[in-house]
Amino acid sequence: MRNWKAIAAGLGPPIPEDDIARASGPLEALEAAFRPLAQAIPPETEPAYLMLVEPEEEQ
């Protein structure tokens, strides 16, 4: 799994250490939940892209 604290520290954002620590917990939980799901997707599966474009209004 990724070390989210190290990634944030490497990027050097102006975020207090306490906020980084508070955000890294949920990110680690999300990665732990989704990593097995992502690994279960067969390699030949195409990604599904969805792009909703609103029609332009005529003037």
PDB file of N, CA and C in Angstrom:
ATOM      1  N   MET A   1       0.833  -1.186   0.000  1.00  0.00           N
ATOM      2  CA  MET A   1       0.000   0.000   0.000  1.00  0.00           C
ATOM      3  C   MET A   1       0.874   1.245   0.000  1.00  0.00           C
ATOM      4  N   ARG A   2       0.289   2.326  -0.445  1.00  0.00           N
ATOM      5  CA  ARG A   2       1.019   3.584  -0.501  1.00  0.00           C
ATOM      6  C   ARG A   2       1.139   4.203   0.889  1.00  0.00           C
ATOM      7  N   ASN A   3       2.220   4.890   1.093  1.00  0.00           N
ATOM      8  CA  ASN A   3       2.426   5.626   2.335  1.00  0.00           C
ATOM      9  C   ASN A   3       1.959   7.054   2.076  1.00  0.00           C
ATOM     10  N   TRP A   4       0.708   7.329   2.401  1.00  0.00           N
ATOM     11  CA  TRP A   4       0.107   8.622   2.078  1.00  0.00           C
ATOM     12  C   TRP A   4       0.781   9.769   2.811  1.00  0.00           C
ATOM     13  N   LYS A   5       1.268   9.516   4.021  1.00  0.00           N
ATOM     14  CA  LYS A   5       1.967  10.572   4.762  1.00  0.00           C
ATOM     15  C   LYS A   5       3.256  10.958   4.040  1.00  0.00           C
ATOM     16  N   ALA A   6       3.991   9.973   3.546  1.00  0.00           N
ATOM     17  CA  ALA A   6       5.237  10.246   2.836  1.00  0.00           C
ATOM     18  C   ALA A   6       4.965  10.953   1.507  1.00  0.00           C
ATOM     19  N   ILE A   7       3.889  10.554   0.833  1.00  0.00           N
ATOM     20  CA  ILE A   7       3.541  11.203  -0.425  1.00  0.00           C
ATOM     21  C   ILE A   7       3.221  12.668  -0.184  1.00  0.00           C
ATOM     22  N   ALA A   8       2.424  12.945   0.839  1.00  0.00           N
ATOM     23  CA  ALA A   8       2.070  14.330   1.151  1.00  0.00           C
ATOM     24  C   ALA A   8       3.303  15.125   1.555  1.00  0.00           C
ATOM     25  N   ALA A   9       4.176  14.519   2.333  1.00  0.00           N
ATOM     26  CA  ALA A   9       5.394  15.218   2.756  1.00  0.00           C
ATOM     27  C   ALA A   9       6.288  15.514   1.549  1.00  0.00           C
ATOM     28  N   GLY A  10       6.351  14.589   0.600  1.00  0.00           N
ATOM     29  CA  GLY A  10       7.177  14.779  -0.584  1.00  0.00           C
ATOM     30  C   GLY A  10       6.665  15.879  -1.497  1.00  0.00           C
ATOM     31  N   LEU A  11       5.354  16.051  -1.513  1.00  0.00           N
ATOM     32  CA  LEU A  11       4.784  17.110  -2.342  1.00  0.00           C
ATOM     33  C   LEU A  11       4.951  18.483  -1.704  1.00  0.00           C
ATOM     34  N   GLY A  12       5.137  18.508  -0.396  1.00  0.00           N
ATOM     35  CA  GLY A  12       5.380  19.760   0.314  1.00  0.00           C
ATOM     36  C   GLY A  12       4.213  20.734   0.330  1.00  0.00           C
ATOM     37  N   PRO A  13       2.964  20.243   0.495  1.00  0.00           N
ATOM     38  CA  PRO A  13       1.854  21.189   0.522  1.00  0.00           C
ATOM     39  C   PRO A  13       1.850  21.980   1.833  1.00  0.00           C
ATOM     40  N   PRO A  14       1.275  23.161   1.819  1.00  0.00           N
ATOM     41  CA  PRO A  14       1.206  23.958   3.047  1.00  0.00           C
ATOM     42  C   PRO A  14       0.066  23.480   3.947  1.00  0.00           C
ATOM     43  N   ILE A  15       0.130  22.205   4.316  1.00  0.00           N
ATOM     44  CA  ILE A  15      -0.902  21.594   5.158  1.00  0.00           C
ATOM     45  C   ILE A  15      -0.258  21.205   6.478  1.00  0.00           C
ATOM     46  N   PRO A  16      -0.889  21.557   7.595  1.00  0.00           N
ATOM     47  CA  PRO A  16      -0.336  21.173   8.891  1.00  0.00           C
ATOM     48  C   PRO A  16      -0.223  19.653   9.033  1.00  0.00           C
ATOM     49  N   GLU A  17       0.793  19.214   9.739  1.00  0.00           N
ATOM     50  CA  GLU A  17       1.046  17.777   9.927  1.00  0.00           C
ATOM     51  C   GLU A  17      -0.164  17.063  10.510  1.00  0.00           C
ATOM     52  N   ASP A  18      -0.881  17.702  11.428  1.00  0.00           N
ATOM     53  CA  ASP A  18      -2.064  17.073  12.028  1.00  0.00           C
ATOM     54  C   ASP A  18      -3.137  16.795  10.973  1.00  0.00           C
ATOM     55  N   ASP A  19      -3.312  17.722  10.039  1.00  0.00           N
ATOM     56  CA  ASP A  19      -4.303  17.522   8.983  1.00  0.00           C
ATOM     57  C   ASP A  19      -3.887  16.399   8.040  1.00  0.00           C
ATOM     58  N   ILE A  20      -2.602  16.313   7.756  1.00  0.00           N
ATOM     59  CA  ILE A  20      -2.103  15.220   6.903  1.00  0.00           C
ATOM     60  C   ILE A  20      -2.343  13.881   7.587  1.00  0.00           C
ATOM     61  N   ALA A  21      -2.044  13.813   8.871  1.00  0.00           N
ATOM     62  CA  ALA A  21      -2.248  12.572   9.615  1.00  0.00           C
ATOM     63  C   ALA A  21      -3.730  12.204   9.654  1.00  0.00           C
ATOM     64  N   ARG A  22      -4.595  13.189   9.798  1.00  0.00           N
ATOM     65  CA  ARG A  22      -6.038  12.928   9.859  1.00  0.00           C
ATOM     66  C   ARG A  22      -6.561  12.457   8.508  1.00  0.00           C
ATOM     67  N   ALA A  23      -6.030  12.961   7.409  1.00  0.00           N
ATOM     68  CA  ALA A  23      -6.488  12.570   6.079  1.00  0.00           C
ATOM     69  C   ALA A  23      -5.902  11.233   5.628  1.00  0.00           C
ATOM     70  N   SER A  24      -4.731  10.875   6.118  1.00  0.00           N
ATOM     71  CA  SER A  24      -4.086   9.647   5.648  1.00  0.00           C
ATOM     72  C   SER A  24      -4.824   8.395   6.117  1.00  0.00           C
ATOM     73  N   GLY A  25      -5.467   8.448   7.265  1.00  0.00           N
ATOM     74  CA  GLY A  25      -6.213   7.280   7.756  1.00  0.00           C
ATOM     75  C   GLY A  25      -7.320   6.858   6.812  1.00  0.00           C
ATOM     76  N   PRO A  26      -8.227   7.769   6.434  1.00  0.00           N
ATOM     77  CA  PRO A  26      -9.270   7.387   5.483  1.00  0.00           C
ATOM     78  C   PRO A  26      -8.722   6.963   4.119  1.00  0.00           C
ATOM     79  N   LEU A  27      -7.626   7.602   3.670  1.00  0.00           N
ATOM     80  CA  LEU A  27      -7.037   7.194   2.392  1.00  0.00           C
ATOM     81  C   LEU A  27      -6.513   5.766   2.456  1.00  0.00           C
ATOM     82  N   GLU A  28      -5.898   5.407   3.565  1.00  0.00           N
ATOM     83  CA  GLU A  28      -5.400   4.036   3.726  1.00  0.00           C
ATOM     84  C   GLU A  28      -6.557   3.046   3.767  1.00  0.00           C
ATOM     85  N   ALA A  29      -7.656   3.415   4.434  1.00  0.00           N
ATOM     86  CA  ALA A  29      -8.826   2.533   4.492  1.00  0.00           C
ATOM     87  C   ALA A  29      -9.449   2.354   3.114  1.00  0.00           C
ATOM     88  N   LEU A  30      -9.538   3.434   2.350  1.00  0.00           N
ATOM     89  CA  LEU A  30     -10.070   3.327   0.992  1.00  0.00           C
ATOM     90  C   LEU A  30      -9.193   2.441   0.118  1.00  0.00           C
ATOM     91  N   GLU A  31      -7.897   2.617   0.235  1.00  0.00           N
ATOM     92  CA  GLU A  31      -6.994   1.792  -0.575  1.00  0.00           C
ATOM     93  C   GLU A  31      -7.115   0.319  -0.177  1.00  0.00           C
ATOM     94  N   ALA A  32      -7.210   0.048   1.113  1.00  0.00           N
ATOM     95  CA  ALA A  32      -7.346  -1.339   1.574  1.00  0.00           C
ATOM     96  C   ALA A  32      -8.642  -1.962   1.070  1.00  0.00           C
ATOM     97  N   ALA A  33      -9.692  -1.159   0.959  1.00  0.00           N
ATOM     98  CA  ALA A  33     -10.970  -1.685   0.487  1.00  0.00           C
ATOM     99  C   ALA A  33     -10.986  -1.884  -1.026  1.00  0.00           C
ATOM    100  N   PHE A  34     -10.393  -0.952  -1.767  1.00  0.00           N
ATOM    101  CA  PHE A  34     -10.493  -0.997  -3.215  1.00  0.00           C
ATOM    102  C   PHE A  34      -9.376  -1.772  -3.904  1.00  0.00           C
ATOM    103  N   ARG A  35      -8.224  -1.932  -3.277  1.00  0.00           N
ATOM    104  CA  ARG A  35      -7.111  -2.647  -3.910  1.00  0.00           C
ATOM    105  C   ARG A  35      -7.513  -4.065  -4.312  1.00  0.00           C
ATOM    106  N   PRO A  36      -8.149  -4.866  -3.426  1.00  0.00           N
ATOM    107  CA  PRO A  36      -8.557  -6.220  -3.859  1.00  0.00           C
ATOM    108  C   PRO A  36      -9.589  -6.182  -4.981  1.00  0.00           C
ATOM    109  N   LEU A  37     -10.468  -5.204  -4.969  1.00  0.00           N
ATOM    110  CA  LEU A  37     -11.466  -5.096  -6.034  1.00  0.00           C
ATOM    111  C   LEU A  37     -10.793  -4.786  -7.368  1.00  0.00           C
ATOM    112  N   ALA A  38      -9.835  -3.887  -7.355  1.00  0.00           N
ATOM    113  CA  ALA A  38      -9.134  -3.530  -8.581  1.00  0.00           C
ATOM    114  C   ALA A  38      -8.318  -4.707  -9.114  1.00  0.00           C
ATOM    115  N   GLN A  39      -7.733  -5.490  -8.227  1.00  0.00           N
ATOM    116  CA  GLN A  39      -6.933  -6.630  -8.666  1.00  0.00           C
ATOM    117  C   GLN A  39      -7.811  -7.743  -9.225  1.00  0.00           C
ATOM    118  N   ALA A  40      -9.100  -7.739  -8.882  1.00  0.00           N
ATOM    119  CA  ALA A  40     -10.009  -8.768  -9.373  1.00  0.00           C
ATOM    120  C   ALA A  40     -10.519  -8.468 -10.785  1.00  0.00           C
ATOM    121  N   ILE A  41     -10.274  -7.264 -11.289  1.00  0.00           N
ATOM    122  CA  ILE A  41     -10.719  -6.915 -12.638  1.00  0.00           C
ATOM    123  C   ILE A  41      -9.760  -7.546 -13.639  1.00  0.00           C
ATOM    124  N   PRO A  42     -10.290  -8.326 -14.577  1.00  0.00           N
ATOM    125  CA  PRO A  42      -9.410  -8.959 -15.565  1.00  0.00           C
ATOM    126  C   PRO A  42      -8.685  -7.911 -16.403  1.00  0.00           C
ATOM    127  N   PRO A  43      -7.442  -8.202 -16.803  1.00  0.00           N
ATOM    128  CA  PRO A  43      -6.654  -7.235 -17.581  1.00  0.00           C
ATOM    129  C   PRO A  43      -7.303  -6.832 -18.905  1.00  0.00           C
ATOM    130  N   GLU A  44      -8.092  -7.711 -19.497  1.00  0.00           N
ATOM    131  CA  GLU A  44      -8.688  -7.388 -20.795  1.00  0.00           C
ATOM    132  C   GLU A  44      -9.924  -6.496 -20.676  1.00  0.00           C
ATOM    133  N   THR A  45     -10.343  -6.175 -19.465  1.00  0.00           N
ATOM    134  CA  THR A  45     -11.509  -5.318 -19.265  1.00  0.00           C
ATOM    135  C   THR A  45     -11.164  -3.880 -19.626  1.00  0.00           C
ATOM    136  N   GLU A  46     -11.967  -3.329 -20.517  1.00  0.00           N
ATOM    137  CA  GLU A  46     -11.761  -1.947 -20.944  1.00  0.00           C
ATOM    138  C   GLU A  46     -12.346  -1.004 -19.896  1.00  0.00           C
ATOM    139  N   PRO A  47     -11.681   0.111 -19.630  1.00  0.00           N
ATOM    140  CA  PRO A  47     -12.264   1.084 -18.708  1.00  0.00           C
ATOM    141  C   PRO A  47     -13.503   1.727 -19.342  1.00  0.00           C
ATOM    142  N   ALA A  48     -14.473   2.025 -18.530  1.00  0.00           N
ATOM    143  CA  ALA A  48     -15.698   2.668 -19.010  1.00  0.00           C
ATOM    144  C   ALA A  48     -15.593   4.159 -18.750  1.00  0.00           C
ATOM    145  N   TYR A  49     -15.452   4.913 -19.809  1.00  0.00           N
ATOM    146  CA  TYR A  49     -15.368   6.357 -19.691  1.00  0.00           C
ATOM    147  C   TYR A  49     -16.763   6.941 -19.903  1.00  0.00           C
ATOM    148  N   LEU A  50     -17.107   7.891 -19.100  1.00  0.00           N
ATOM    149  CA  LEU A  50     -18.398   8.548 -19.214  1.00  0.00           C
ATOM    150  C   LEU A  50     -18.172  10.046 -19.200  1.00  0.00           C
ATOM    151  N   MET A  51     -18.636  10.686 -20.234  1.00  0.00           N
ATOM    152  CA  MET A  51     -18.482  12.136 -20.317  1.00  0.00           C
ATOM    153  C   MET A  51     -19.821  12.725 -20.698  1.00  0.00           C
ATOM    154  N   LEU A  52     -20.404  13.458 -19.772  1.00  0.00           N
ATOM    155  CA  LEU A  52     -21.691  14.086 -20.029  1.00  0.00           C
ATOM    156  C   LEU A  52     -21.441  15.530 -20.443  1.00  0.00           C
ATOM    157  N   VAL A  53     -21.902  15.866 -21.622  1.00  0.00           N
ATOM    158  CA  VAL A  53     -21.713  17.221 -22.137  1.00  0.00           C
ATOM    159  C   VAL A  53     -23.091  17.844 -22.325  1.00  0.00           C
ATOM    160  N   GLU A  54     -23.274  18.965 -21.676  1.00  0.00           N
ATOM    161  CA  GLU A  54     -24.537  19.685 -21.830  1.00  0.00           C
ATOM    162  C   GLU A  54     -24.577  20.333 -23.198  1.00  0.00           C
ATOM    163  N   PRO A  55     -25.723  20.302 -23.855  1.00  0.00           N
ATOM    164  CA  PRO A  55     -25.817  20.969 -25.159  1.00  0.00           C
ATOM    165  C   PRO A  55     -25.650  22.486 -24.993  1.00  0.00           C
ATOM    166  N   GLU A  56     -25.018  23.072 -25.970  1.00  0.00           N
ATOM    167  CA  GLU A  56     -24.827  24.520 -25.939  1.00  0.00           C
ATOM    168  C   GLU A  56     -26.139  25.208 -26.259  1.00  0.00           C
ATOM    169  N   GLU A  57     -26.387  26.295 -25.556  1.00  0.00           N
ATOM    170  CA  GLU A  57     -27.600  27.053 -25.822  1.00  0.00           C
ATOM    171  C   GLU A  57     -27.395  27.934 -27.048  1.00  0.00           C
ATOM    172  N   GLU A  58     -28.402  28.021 -27.864  1.00  0.00           N
ATOM    173  CA  GLU A  58     -28.319  28.888 -29.026  1.00  0.00           C
ATOM    174  C   GLU A  58     -28.574  30.318 -28.593  1.00  0.00           C
ATOM    175  N   GLN A  59     -27.847  31.245 -29.196  1.00  0.00           N
ATOM    176  CA  GLN A  59     -28.013  32.657 -28.823  1.00  0.00           C
ATOM    177  C   GLN A  59     -28.727  33.423 -29.882  1.00  0.00           C
TER     178      GLN A  59
END
